[in-house]
C-alpha atoms as a PDB file:
ATOM      1  CA  MET A   1     252.465 127.268 -15.155  1.00  0.00           C
ATOM      2  CA  SER A   2     255.361 129.656 -14.871  1.00  0.00           C
ATOM      3  CA  ASN A   3     257.016 127.652 -12.093  1.00  0.00           C
ATOM      4  CA  GLN A   4     257.224 124.411 -14.033  1.00  0.00           C
ATOM      5  CA  ASN A   5     260.502 123.063 -15.276  1.00  0.00           C
ATOM      6  CA  PRO A   6     260.572 123.314 -19.061  1.00  0.00           C
ATOM      7  CA  GLY A   7     262.326 119.951 -19.034  1.00  0.00           C
ATOM      8  CA  CYS A   8     259.461 118.158 -17.351  1.00  0.00           C
ATOM      9  CA  CYS A   9     257.756 115.640 -19.603  1.00  0.00           C
ATOM     10  CA  PRO A  10     254.205 116.587 -20.617  1.00  0.00           C
ATOM     11  CA  GLU A  11     252.715 113.554 -18.903  1.00  0.00           C
ATOM     12  CA  PHE A  12     254.248 114.790 -15.678  1.00  0.00           C
ATOM     13  CA  ALA A  13     252.624 118.222 -15.974  1.00  0.00           C
ATOM     14  CA  LYS A  14     250.109 117.722 -13.153  1.00  0.00           C
ATOM     15  CA  ASP A  15     252.677 116.571 -10.627  1.00  0.00           C
ATOM     16  CA  CYS A  16     255.321 119.009 -11.802  1.00  0.00           C
ATOM     17  CA  SER A  17     253.025 121.773 -10.629  1.00  0.00           C
ATOM     18  CA  VAL A  18     254.262 121.074  -7.108  1.00  0.00           C
ATOM     19  CA  ILE A  19     257.832 121.850  -8.134  1.00  0.00           C
ATOM     20  CA  GLN A  20     259.233 125.345  -8.047  1.00  0.00           C
ATOM     21  CA  CYS A  21     261.959 124.444 -10.503  1.00  0.00           C
ATOM     22  CA  GLU A  22     263.034 128.007 -11.182  1.00  0.00           C
ATOM     23  CA  THR A  23     264.566 128.186  -7.718  1.00  0.00           C
ATOM     24  CA  GLY A  24     265.526 124.526  -7.567  1.00  0.00           C
ATOM     25  CA  LEU A  25     263.396 124.089  -4.465  1.00  0.00           C
ATOM     26  CA  MET A  26     260.463 121.792  -3.685  1.00  0.00           C
ATOM     27  CA  VAL A  27     257.592 123.061  -1.571  1.00  0.00           C
ATOM     28  CA  ALA A  28     254.209 121.695  -0.570  1.00  0.00           C
ATOM     29  CA  SER A  29     251.864 122.796  -3.294  1.00  0.00           C
ATOM     30  CA  ASN A  30     248.959 125.107  -2.561  1.00  0.00           C
ATOM     31  CA  PHE A  31     246.964 122.730  -4.728  1.00  0.00           C
ATOM     32  CA  MET A  32     247.726 119.868  -2.365  1.00  0.00           C
ATOM     33  CA  ARG A  33     246.828 122.009   0.591  1.00  0.00           C
ATOM     34  CA  ARG A  34     243.503 122.799  -1.025  1.00  0.00           C
ATOM     35  CA  ASP A  35     242.935 119.084  -1.497  1.00  0.00           C
ATOM     36  CA  SER A  36     243.703 118.571   2.174  1.00  0.00           C
ATOM     37  CA  ILE A  37     241.268 121.323   3.148  1.00  0.00           C
ATOM     38  CA  PHE A  38     238.455 119.815   1.096  1.00  0.00           C
ATOM     39  CA  TYR A  39     238.997 116.346   2.487  1.00  0.00           C
ATOM     40  CA  LYS A  40     238.925 117.794   5.989  1.00  0.00           C
ATOM     41  CA  LEU A  41     235.674 119.506   5.096  1.00  0.00           C
ATOM     42  CA  PHE A  42     234.189 116.247   3.888  1.00  0.00           C
ATOM     43  CA  GLN A  43     235.382 114.437   7.004  1.00  0.00           C
ATOM     44  CA  GLN A  44     233.683 117.048   9.159  1.00  0.00           C
ATOM     45  CA  SER A  45     230.495 117.055   7.099  1.00  0.00           C
ATOM     46  CA  PRO A  46     230.086 114.226   4.551  1.00  0.00           C
ATOM     47  CA  THR A  47     226.676 115.581   3.556  1.00  0.00           C
ATOM     48  CA  LEU A  48     228.405 118.676   2.146  1.00  0.00           C
ATOM     49  CA  LEU A  49     229.068 116.837  -1.107  1.00  0.00           C
ATOM     50  CA  PHE A  50     225.359 116.258  -1.635  1.00  0.00           C
ATOM     51  CA  GLU A  51     224.569 119.954  -1.198  1.00  0.00           C
ATOM     52  CA  LEU A  52     226.338 120.394  -4.542  1.00  0.00           C
ATOM     53  CA  LEU A  53     224.202 117.841  -6.403  1.00  0.00           C
ATOM     54  CA  PRO A  54     220.818 118.393  -8.039  1.00  0.00           C
ATOM     55  CA  ASP A  55     219.432 115.026  -6.899  1.00  0.00           C
ATOM     56  CA  PRO A  56     221.111 113.918  -3.646  1.00  0.00           C
ATOM     57  CA  PRO A  57     220.261 110.524  -2.119  1.00  0.00           C
ATOM     58  CA  ALA A  58     217.420 110.509   0.388  1.00  0.00           C
ATOM     59  CA  ASN A  59     219.705 109.015   3.039  1.00  0.00           C
ATOM     60  CA  ALA A  60     222.595 111.458   2.513  1.00  0.00           C
ATOM     61  CA  GLU A  61     222.970 111.865   6.285  1.00  0.00           C
ATOM     62  CA  ALA A  62     223.924 108.191   6.586  1.00  0.00           C
ATOM     63  CA  TYR A  63     226.837 108.282   4.132  1.00  0.00           C
ATOM     64  CA  ARG A  64     230.413 108.149   5.368  1.00  0.00           C
ATOM     65  CA  PHE A  65     233.527 109.629   3.796  1.00  0.00           C
ATOM     66  CA  ASP A  66     236.500 107.314   3.219  1.00  0.00           C
ATOM     67  CA  SER A  67     239.466 106.534   0.993  1.00  0.00           C
ATOM     68  CA  VAL A  68     240.060 103.218  -0.724  1.00  0.00           C
ATOM     69  CA  ALA A  69     242.822 101.407  -2.576  1.00  0.00           C
ATOM     70  CA  VAL A  70     242.332  99.247  -5.662  1.00  0.00           C
ATOM     71  CA  LYS A  71     245.108  96.809  -6.484  1.00  0.00           C
ATOM     72  CA  GLU A  72     246.278  95.362  -9.829  1.00  0.00           C
ATOM     73  CA  PRO A  73     246.782  98.057 -11.023  1.00  0.00           C
ATOM     74  CA  ARG A  74     247.052 100.034  -7.820  1.00  0.00           C
ATOM     75  CA  PHE A  75     244.834 103.099  -7.556  1.00  0.00           C
ATOM     76  CA  GLU A  76     244.484 105.384  -4.564  1.00  0.00           C
ATOM     77  CA  ILE A  77     241.003 106.893  -4.462  1.00  0.00           C
ATOM     78  CA  ASP A  78     240.998 109.602  -1.801  1.00  0.00           C
ATOM     79  CA  GLY A  79     237.419 110.839  -1.906  1.00  0.00           C
ATOM     80  CA  VAL A  80     234.806 108.110  -1.653  1.00  0.00           C
ATOM     81  CA  PHE A  81     231.353 108.472  -0.130  1.00  0.00           C
ATOM     82  CA  LEU A  82     229.986 105.103   0.904  1.00  0.00           C
ATOM     83  CA  PRO A  83     226.320 104.332   1.578  1.00  0.00           C
ATOM     84  CA  PRO A  84     225.311 102.598   4.829  1.00  0.00           C
ATOM     85  CA  GLU A  85     226.529  99.011   4.969  1.00  0.00           C
ATOM     86  CA  ASP A  86     223.040  97.755   5.744  1.00  0.00           C
ATOM     87  CA  GLU A  87     221.616  99.377   2.594  1.00  0.00           C
ATOM     88  CA  ALA A  88     221.207  97.038  -0.337  1.00  0.00           C
ATOM     89  CA  ALA A  89     222.295  98.276  -3.778  1.00  0.00           C
ATOM     90  CA  GLY A  90     223.237 101.775  -2.621  1.00  0.00           C
ATOM     91  CA  THR A  91     225.119 104.315  -4.734  1.00  0.00           C
ATOM     92  CA  VAL A  92     228.824 104.967  -4.144  1.00  0.00           C
ATOM     93  CA  TYR A  93     230.095 108.478  -4.952  1.00  0.00           C
ATOM     94  CA  PHE A  94     233.668 109.241  -6.034  1.00  0.00           C
ATOM     95  CA  CYS A  95     234.862 112.808  -5.517  1.00  0.00           C
ATOM     96  CA  GLU A  96     237.858 114.568  -7.040  1.00  0.00           C
ATOM     97  CA  VAL A  97     238.941 118.081  -6.041  1.00  0.00           C
ATOM     98  CA  GLN A  98     240.930 119.519  -8.936  1.00  0.00           C
ATOM     99  CA  PHE A  99     242.591 122.931  -8.622  1.00  0.00           C
ATOM    100  CA  GLN A 100     245.191 122.488 -11.361  1.00  0.00           C
ATOM    101  CA  LYS A 101     244.844 121.374 -14.960  1.00  0.00           C
ATOM    102  CA  ASP A 102     245.336 117.679 -15.608  1.00  0.00           C
ATOM    103  CA  GLU A 103     244.854 116.673 -19.237  1.00  0.00           C
ATOM    104  CA  ARG A 104     244.289 113.020 -18.287  1.00  0.00           C
ATOM    105  CA  LEU A 105     242.068 113.562 -15.286  1.00  0.00           C
ATOM    106  CA  TYR A 106     238.923 111.986 -16.732  1.00  0.00           C
ATOM    107  CA  GLU A 107     240.834 108.982 -18.050  1.00  0.00           C
ATOM    108  CA  ARG A 108     242.136 108.317 -14.548  1.00  0.00           C
ATOM    109  CA  ILE A 109     238.882 109.029 -12.685  1.00  0.00           C
ATOM    110  CA  PHE A 110     236.739 106.822 -14.907  1.00  0.00           C
ATOM    111  CA  ALA A 111     239.325 104.018 -14.857  1.00  0.00           C
ATOM    112  CA  GLU A 112     239.569 104.124 -11.066  1.00  0.00           C
ATOM    113  CA  SER A 113     235.839 104.352 -10.519  1.00  0.00           C
ATOM    114  CA  SER A 114     234.970 101.624 -13.000  1.00  0.00           C
ATOM    115  CA  LEU A 115     237.570  99.264 -11.608  1.00  0.00           C
ATOM    116  CA  TYR A 116     236.444  99.865  -8.038  1.00  0.00           C
ATOM    117  CA  PHE A 117     232.830  99.253  -9.011  1.00  0.00           C
ATOM    118  CA  TYR A 118     233.828  96.121 -10.949  1.00  0.00           C
ATOM    119  CA  ARG A 119     235.505  94.710  -7.859  1.00  0.00           C
ATOM    120  CA  ASN A 120     232.710  95.775  -5.492  1.00  0.00           C
ATOM    121  CA  GLY A 121     229.648  95.596  -7.728  1.00  0.00           C
ATOM    122  CA  ASP A 122     227.967  93.079  -5.440  1.00  0.00           C
ATOM    123  CA  ARG A 123     227.868  95.729  -2.678  1.00  0.00           C
ATOM    124  CA  TYR A 124     226.574  98.706  -4.675  1.00  0.00           C
ATOM    125  CA  GLY A 125     223.843  99.278  -7.204  1.00  0.00           C
ATOM    126  CA  ASP A 126     225.330 102.333  -8.925  1.00  0.00           C
ATOM    127  CA  TRP A 127     228.266 104.734  -8.938  1.00  0.00           C
ATOM    128  CA  GLN A 128     228.572 108.439  -9.600  1.00  0.00           C
ATOM    129  CA  VAL A 129     231.474 110.876  -9.899  1.00  0.00           C
ATOM    130  CA  VAL A 130     231.694 114.455  -8.613  1.00  0.00           C
ATOM    131  CA  VAL A 131     234.558 116.674  -9.811  1.00  0.00           C
ATOM    132  CA  ILE A 132     235.015 120.008  -8.037  1.00  0.00           C
ATOM    133  CA  TYR A 133     236.857 122.736  -9.958  1.00  0.00           C
ATOM    134  CA  PRO A 134     237.582 126.354  -8.971  1.00  0.00           C
ATOM    135  CA  SER A 135     236.521 127.332 -12.505  1.00  0.00           C
ATOM    136  CA  ARG A 136     236.015 125.893 -15.992  1.00  0.00           C
ATOM    137  CA  SER A 137     239.492 127.046 -17.040  1.00  0.00           C
ATOM    138  CA  VAL A 138     241.039 124.211 -15.013  1.00  0.00           C
ATOM    139  CA  GLU A 139     239.069 121.444 -16.731  1.00  0.00           C
ATOM    140  CA  GLN A 140     240.965 119.263 -19.174  1.00  0.00           C
ATOM    141  CA  SER A 141     240.697 120.220 -22.835  1.00  0.00           C
ATOM    142  CA  ARG A 142     239.860 116.899 -24.454  1.00  0.00           C
ATOM    143  CA  LEU A 143     236.254 116.135 -23.520  1.00  0.00           C
ATOM    144  CA  HIS A 144     234.876 114.422 -26.625  1.00  0.00           C
ATOM    145  CA  PRO A 145     236.076 110.874 -25.783  1.00  0.00           C
ATOM    146  CA  HIS A 146     234.182 111.119 -22.494  1.00  0.00           C
ATOM    147  CA  ARG A 147     230.988 112.685 -23.858  1.00  0.00           C
ATOM    148  CA  THR A 148     228.759 109.802 -22.767  1.00  0.00           C
ATOM    149  CA  PHE A 149     229.790 110.213 -19.141  1.00  0.00           C
ATOM    150  CA  LEU A 150     230.016 113.994 -19.164  1.00  0.00           C
ATOM    151  CA  ASN A 151     226.658 114.557 -20.861  1.00  0.00           C
ATOM    152  CA  GLY A 152     224.812 112.032 -18.737  1.00  0.00           C
ATOM    153  CA  ASP A 153     223.600 112.032 -15.154  1.00  0.00           C
ATOM    154  CA  GLN A 154     226.423 109.892 -13.742  1.00  0.00           C
ATOM    155  CA  VAL A 155     229.107 112.597 -13.662  1.00  0.00           C
ATOM    156  CA  HIS A 156     228.658 115.951 -11.919  1.00  0.00           C
ATOM    157  CA  ARG A 157     231.057 118.829 -12.579  1.00  0.00           C
ATOM    158  CA  VAL A 158     230.975 121.589  -9.954  1.00  0.00           C
ATOM    159  CA  TYR A 159     232.572 124.969 -10.721  1.00  0.00           C
ATOM    160  CA  LEU A 160     232.924 126.849  -7.460  1.00  0.00           C
ATOM    161  CA  ASP A 161     233.039 130.265  -9.110  1.00  0.00           C
ATOM    162  CA  GLU A 162     229.599 129.613 -10.627  1.00  0.00           C
ATOM    163  CA  LEU A 163     227.812 128.693  -7.380  1.00  0.00           C
ATOM    164  CA  GLY A 164     226.933 132.308  -6.671  1.00  0.00           C
ATOM    165  CA  GLU A 165     228.089 135.147  -4.450  1.00  0.00           C
ATOM    166  CA  ILE A 166     229.780 133.713  -1.390  1.00  0.00           C
ATOM    167  CA  ARG A 167     227.601 135.586   1.098  1.00  0.00           C
ATOM    168  CA  SER A 168     224.407 134.128  -0.376  1.00  0.00           C
ATOM    169  CA  LEU A 169     225.529 130.492  -0.152  1.00  0.00           C
ATOM    170  CA  PRO A 170     224.797 127.956   2.587  1.00  0.00           C
ATOM    171  CA  LEU A 171     227.503 128.236   5.223  1.00  0.00           C
ATOM    172  CA  TRP A 172     229.367 124.992   4.534  1.00  0.00           C
ATOM    173  CA  VAL A 173     229.292 125.607   0.776  1.00  0.00           C
ATOM    174  CA  ALA A 174     230.548 129.157   1.358  1.00  0.00           C
ATOM    175  CA  VAL A 175     233.520 127.719   3.261  1.00  0.00           C
ATOM    176  CA  MET A 176     234.383 125.686   0.154  1.00  0.00           C
ATOM    177  CA  VAL A 177     234.175 128.776  -2.052  1.00  0.00           C
ATOM    178  CA  LEU A 178     236.434 130.671   0.381  1.00  0.00           C
ATOM    179  CA  THR A 179     239.338 128.555  -0.910  1.00  0.00           C
ATOM    180  CA  THR A 180     238.995 130.282  -4.292  1.00  0.00           C
ATOM    181  CA  ILE A 181     238.713 133.897  -3.127  1.00  0.00           C
ATOM    182  CA  GLU A 182     241.569 136.221  -4.075  1.00  0.00           C
ATOM    183  CA  GLU A 183     244.013 137.004  -1.313  1.00  0.00           C
ATOM    184  CA  ASP A 184     243.084 140.676  -1.052  1.00  0.00           C
ATOM    185  CA  LYS A 185     239.385 139.825  -0.549  1.00  0.00           C
ATOM    186  CA  ALA A 186     239.720 136.635   1.492  1.00  0.00           C
ATOM    187  CA  PRO A 187     240.101 138.206   4.981  1.00  0.00           C
ATOM    188  CA  GLU A 188     236.890 140.223   4.643  1.00  0.00           C
ATOM    189  CA  GLU A 189     234.906 137.214   3.450  1.00  0.00           C
ATOM    190  CA  ALA A 190     236.427 135.027   6.167  1.00  0.00           C
ATOM    191  CA  ARG A 191     235.358 137.513   8.845  1.00  0.00           C
ATOM    192  CA  TYR A 192     231.869 137.553   7.380  1.00  0.00           C
ATOM    193  CA  LEU A 193     231.604 133.757   7.483  1.00  0.00           C
ATOM    194  CA  LEU A 194     232.868 133.726  11.076  1.00  0.00           C
ATOM    195  CA  SER A 195     230.179 136.257  12.012  1.00  0.00           C
ATOM    196  CA  ARG A 196     227.481 134.045  10.443  1.00  0.00           C
ATOM    197  CA  THR A 197     228.625 130.861  12.130  1.00  0.00           C
ATOM    198  CA  PRO A 198     227.147 131.182  15.666  1.00  0.00           C
ATOM    199  CA  ALA A 199     223.674 131.942  14.335  1.00  0.00           C
ATOM    200  CA  GLU A 200     223.569 129.316  11.603  1.00  0.00           C
ATOM    201  CA  SER A 201     225.410 126.346  13.053  1.00  0.00           C
ATOM    202  CA  ALA A 202     225.049 124.801  16.482  1.00  0.00           C
ATOM    203  CA  SER A 203     228.082 123.563  18.395  1.00  0.00           C
ATOM    204  CA  PRO A 204     230.062 121.405  17.626  1.00  0.00           C
ATOM    205  CA  GLY A 205     229.265 122.271  14.002  1.00  0.00           C
ATOM    206  CA  SER A 206     229.972 125.914  14.748  1.00  0.00           C
ATOM    207  CA  ARG A 207     233.430 125.121  16.093  1.00  0.00           C
ATOM    208  CA  ALA A 208     234.163 122.906  13.080  1.00  0.00           C
ATOM    209  CA  ILE A 209     233.321 125.729  10.676  1.00  0.00           C
ATOM    210  CA  ILE A 210     235.411 128.233  12.632  1.00  0.00           C
ATOM    211  CA  GLU A 211     238.355 125.857  12.564  1.00  0.00           C
ATOM    212  CA  MET A 212     238.001 125.260   8.817  1.00  0.00           C
ATOM    213  CA  VAL A 213     237.920 129.013   8.110  1.00  0.00           C
ATOM    214  CA  ILE A 214     241.030 129.473  10.263  1.00  0.00           C
ATOM    215  CA  THR A 215     242.718 126.551   8.468  1.00  0.00           C
ATOM    216  CA  ILE A 216     242.050 128.079   5.048  1.00  0.00           C
ATOM    217  CA  MET A 217     243.346 131.484   6.093  1.00  0.00           C
ATOM    218  CA  ALA A 218     246.380 130.111   7.927  1.00  0.00           C
ATOM    219  CA  TYR A 219     247.354 128.159   4.797  1.00  0.00           C
ATOM    220  CA  GLN A 220     246.753 131.129   2.518  1.00  0.00           C
ATOM    221  CA  PHE A 221     248.712 133.501   4.779  1.00  0.00           C
ATOM    222  CA  GLU A 222     251.225 131.038   6.189  1.00  0.00           C
ATOM    223  CA  GLN A 223     253.870 133.769   6.471  1.00  0.00           C
ATOM    224  CA  LEU A 224     251.823 135.562   9.156  1.00  0.00           C
ATOM    225  CA  SER A 225     252.193 135.053  12.893  1.00  0.00           C
ATOM    226  CA  ARG A 226     249.356 133.992  15.170  1.00  0.00           C
ATOM    227  CA  LYS A 227     248.816 137.572  16.328  1.00  0.00           C
ATOM    228  CA  GLU A 228     248.664 138.833  12.748  1.00  0.00           C
ATOM    229  CA  ILE A 229     246.053 136.235  11.806  1.00  0.00           C
ATOM    230  CA  GLU A 230     244.098 137.049  14.973  1.00  0.00           C
ATOM    231  CA  SER A 231     244.099 140.705  14.001  1.00  0.00           C
ATOM    232  CA  MET A 232     243.134 139.924  10.416  1.00  0.00           C
ATOM    233  CA  LEU A 233     240.171 137.728  11.435  1.00  0.00           C
ATOM    234  CA  ASP A 234     239.282 139.645  14.586  1.00  0.00           C
ATOM    235  CA  ILE A 235     239.297 136.403  16.579  1.00  0.00           C
ATOM    236  CA  SER A 236     241.430 134.864  19.319  1.00  0.00           C
ATOM    237  CA  LEU A 237     243.233 131.694  18.263  1.00  0.00           C
ATOM    238  CA  LYS A 238     244.511 130.708  21.696  1.00  0.00           C
ATOM    239  CA  GLU A 239     241.671 128.283  22.288  1.00  0.00           C
ATOM    240  CA  THR A 240     241.491 126.847  18.786  1.00  0.00           C
ATOM    241  CA  ARG A 241     243.013 123.416  18.429  1.00  0.00           C
ATOM    242  CA  VAL A 242     243.316 123.780  14.679  1.00  0.00           C
ATOM    243  CA  TYR A 243     245.793 126.668  14.793  1.00  0.00           C
ATOM    244  CA  ARG A 244     248.146 124.718  17.066  1.00  0.00           C
ATOM    245  CA  GLU A 245     247.850 121.699  14.791  1.00  0.00           C
ATOM    246  CA  ILE A 246     248.571 123.746  11.687  1.00  0.00           C
ATOM    247  CA  LYS A 247     251.815 125.051  13.142  1.00  0.00           C
ATOM    248  CA  GLU A 248     252.839 121.682  14.614  1.00  0.00           C
ATOM    249  CA  GLU A 249     251.874 119.577  11.628  1.00  0.00           C
ATOM    250  CA  GLY A 250     252.523 122.011   8.808  1.00  0.00           C
ATOM    251  CA  ARG A 251     256.052 120.898   8.080  1.00  0.00           C
ATOM    252  CA  GLU A 252     255.203 117.186   8.303  1.00  0.00           C
ATOM    253  CA  GLU A 253     252.155 117.707   6.093  1.00  0.00           C
ATOM    254  CA  GLY A 254     254.345 119.418   3.523  1.00  0.00           C
ATOM    255  CA  ARG A 255     256.855 116.572   3.659  1.00  0.00           C
ATOM    256  CA  GLU A 256     254.139 113.940   3.226  1.00  0.00           C
ATOM    257  CA  ALA A 257     252.566 115.815   0.328  1.00  0.00           C
ATOM    258  CA  MET A 258     255.956 116.077  -1.367  1.00  0.00           C
ATOM    259  CA  ALA A 259     256.685 112.390  -0.785  1.00  0.00           C
ATOM    260  CA  HIS A 260     253.372 111.394  -2.369  1.00  0.00           C
ATOM    261  CA  ALA A 261     254.090 113.632  -5.357  1.00  0.00           C
ATOM    262  CA  MET A 262     257.543 112.104  -5.801  1.00  0.00           C
ATOM    263  CA  SER A 263     256.111 108.598  -5.575  1.00  0.00           C
ATOM    264  CA  ARG A 264     253.588 109.388  -8.297  1.00  0.00           C
ATOM    265  CA  LEU A 265     256.192 110.992 -10.560  1.00  0.00           C
ATOM    266  CA  LEU A 266     258.546 108.062 -10.132  1.00  0.00           C
ATOM    267  CA  THR A 267     255.773 105.562 -10.840  1.00  0.00           C
ATOM    268  CA  LYS A 268     254.876 107.394 -14.041  1.00  0.00           C
ATOM    269  CA  ARG A 269     258.497 107.533 -15.123  1.00  0.00           C
ATOM    270  CA  LEU A 270     259.740 104.098 -14.033  1.00  0.00           C
ATOM    271  CA  GLY A 271     256.616 101.988 -13.632  1.00  0.00           C
ATOM    272  CA  GLU A 272     255.181 100.448 -10.465  1.00  0.00           C
ATOM    273  CA  LEU A 273     257.676 100.780  -7.608  1.00  0.00           C
ATOM    274  CA  PRO A 274     258.456  97.808  -5.357  1.00  0.00           C
ATOM    275  CA  GLN A 275     256.963  98.276  -1.898  1.00  0.00           C
ATOM    276  CA  THR A 276     260.393  98.565  -0.269  1.00  0.00           C
ATOM    277  CA  VAL A 277     261.472 101.271  -2.705  1.00  0.00           C
ATOM    278  CA  ASN A 278     258.233 103.196  -2.344  1.00  0.00           C
ATOM    279  CA  SER A 279     258.546 103.037   1.451  1.00  0.00           C
ATOM    280  CA  SER A 280     262.065 104.432   1.216  1.00  0.00           C
ATOM    281  CA  VAL A 281     260.805 107.368  -0.863  1.00  0.00           C
ATOM    282  CA  MET A 282     257.878 108.023   1.495  1.00  0.00           C
ATOM    283  CA  ASN A 283     260.231 108.182   4.500  1.00  0.00           C
ATOM    284  CA  LEU A 284     262.727 110.650   3.011  1.00  0.00           C
ATOM    285  CA  SER A 285     263.208 113.963   4.766  1.00  0.00           C
ATOM    286  CA  LEU A 286     262.053 117.159   3.064  1.00  0.00           C
ATOM    287  CA  PRO A 287     265.606 118.283   2.084  1.00  0.00           C
ATOM    288  CA  VAL A 288     266.298 114.886   0.486  1.00  0.00           C
ATOM    289  CA  LEU A 289     262.957 114.985  -1.325  1.00  0.00           C
ATOM    290  CA  GLN A 290     263.995 118.351  -2.721  1.00  0.00           C
ATOM    291  CA  GLU A 291     267.173 116.741  -4.082  1.00  0.00           C
ATOM    292  CA  LEU A 292     265.135 113.858  -5.493  1.00  0.00           C
ATOM    293  CA  SER A 293     262.940 116.315  -7.409  1.00  0.00           C
ATOM    294  CA  GLU A 294     265.986 117.354  -9.405  1.00  0.00           C
ATOM    295  CA  ALA A 295     267.583 113.913  -9.689  1.00  0.00           C
ATOM    296  CA  LEU A 296     264.525 111.994 -10.899  1.00  0.00           C
ATOM    297  CA  LEU A 297     264.629 113.548 -14.368  1.00  0.00           C
ATOM    298  CA  ASP A 298     267.921 111.733 -14.945  1.00  0.00           C
ATOM    299  CA  PHE A 299     266.585 108.303 -13.919  1.00  0.00           C
ATOM    300  CA  ALA A 300     266.225 105.896 -16.845  1.00  0.00           C
ATOM    301  CA  SER A 301     265.416 102.775 -14.828  1.00  0.00           C
ATOM    302  CA  LEU A 302     264.473 101.507 -11.395  1.00  0.00           C
ATOM    303  CA  ASP A 303     268.146 100.646 -10.839  1.00  0.00           C
ATOM    304  CA  ASP A 304     269.030 104.345 -11.133  1.00  0.00           C
ATOM    305  CA  LEU A 305     266.538 105.214  -8.416  1.00  0.00           C
ATOM    306  CA  GLN A 306     267.712 102.417  -6.125  1.00  0.00           C
ATOM    307  CA  ALA A 307     271.339 103.463  -6.590  1.00  0.00           C
ATOM    308  CA  TRP A 308     270.424 107.066  -5.766  1.00  0.00           C
ATOM    309  CA  LEU A 309     268.554 105.998  -2.628  1.00  0.00           C
ATOM    310  CA  ALA A 310     271.514 103.880  -1.552  1.00  0.00           C
ATOM    311  CA  GLU A 311     273.768 106.928  -1.832  1.00  0.00           C
ATOM    312  CA  GLN A 312     271.496 108.806   0.573  1.00  0.00           C
ATOM    313  CA  GLY A 313     272.280 106.246   3.263  1.00  0.00           C
END
């Protein structure tokens, strides 16, 4: 990417995509915001994932969306769809939303999923993985080592740009595809989806879809005022909770996203961080995180990081 620091190590390429090194500034990545949007979508409608699969489980309505942590080594799995607890030998689904290229994505996903299933195999009878891409161009290049998974029925790769024309898709799926529409076409498609919503989705589902469309557009056009977004979408935002939350939580969301990115970069560079050190990083303010994004490339050991944190007071 053109905004990556040429000095970033190759193994840091995924996380360096959140760094606008050319200006020396750190900002919340649009990729992270897209991740956030998709996880909000899945929280609102867990069955949405199964609309993308050729053979969804018969009890898809009973699944719940969650995130889990696997220790030793520590993995954070953000998108997990768990079958009902009273169902014996159900299938657990792991979902990854990937809007930037990561050349070790499949290594990580299969390691995380296998380890989670190993530790919880007595609760589930099977596991499957769903990876959602905007297009095939974002998929990692080296596929051959994973051919058994990728060519089987346990891994599902979804390319949003191949699902069909946005106006012909089911409403919730169309909302997902809206995240990939070019900026000059997005307002028109957003208005179209808003016009479809009352007829195709009963309240509160209708309100949830409206709020997700507004969220996507507010993130994509974050420089616009409320009145400008209202005019663009031909809708009043005064009564929408989501718009208020976006403006109130936007800065904190950006800070949290940046803190998570810094934690991951530091872990890759220095190894597993002690809990106290990781907590210190996660609690840094956005300006200090911006400074850390430049300083971390000079860290050779955990001591360097701890000394730097001590200097920040």
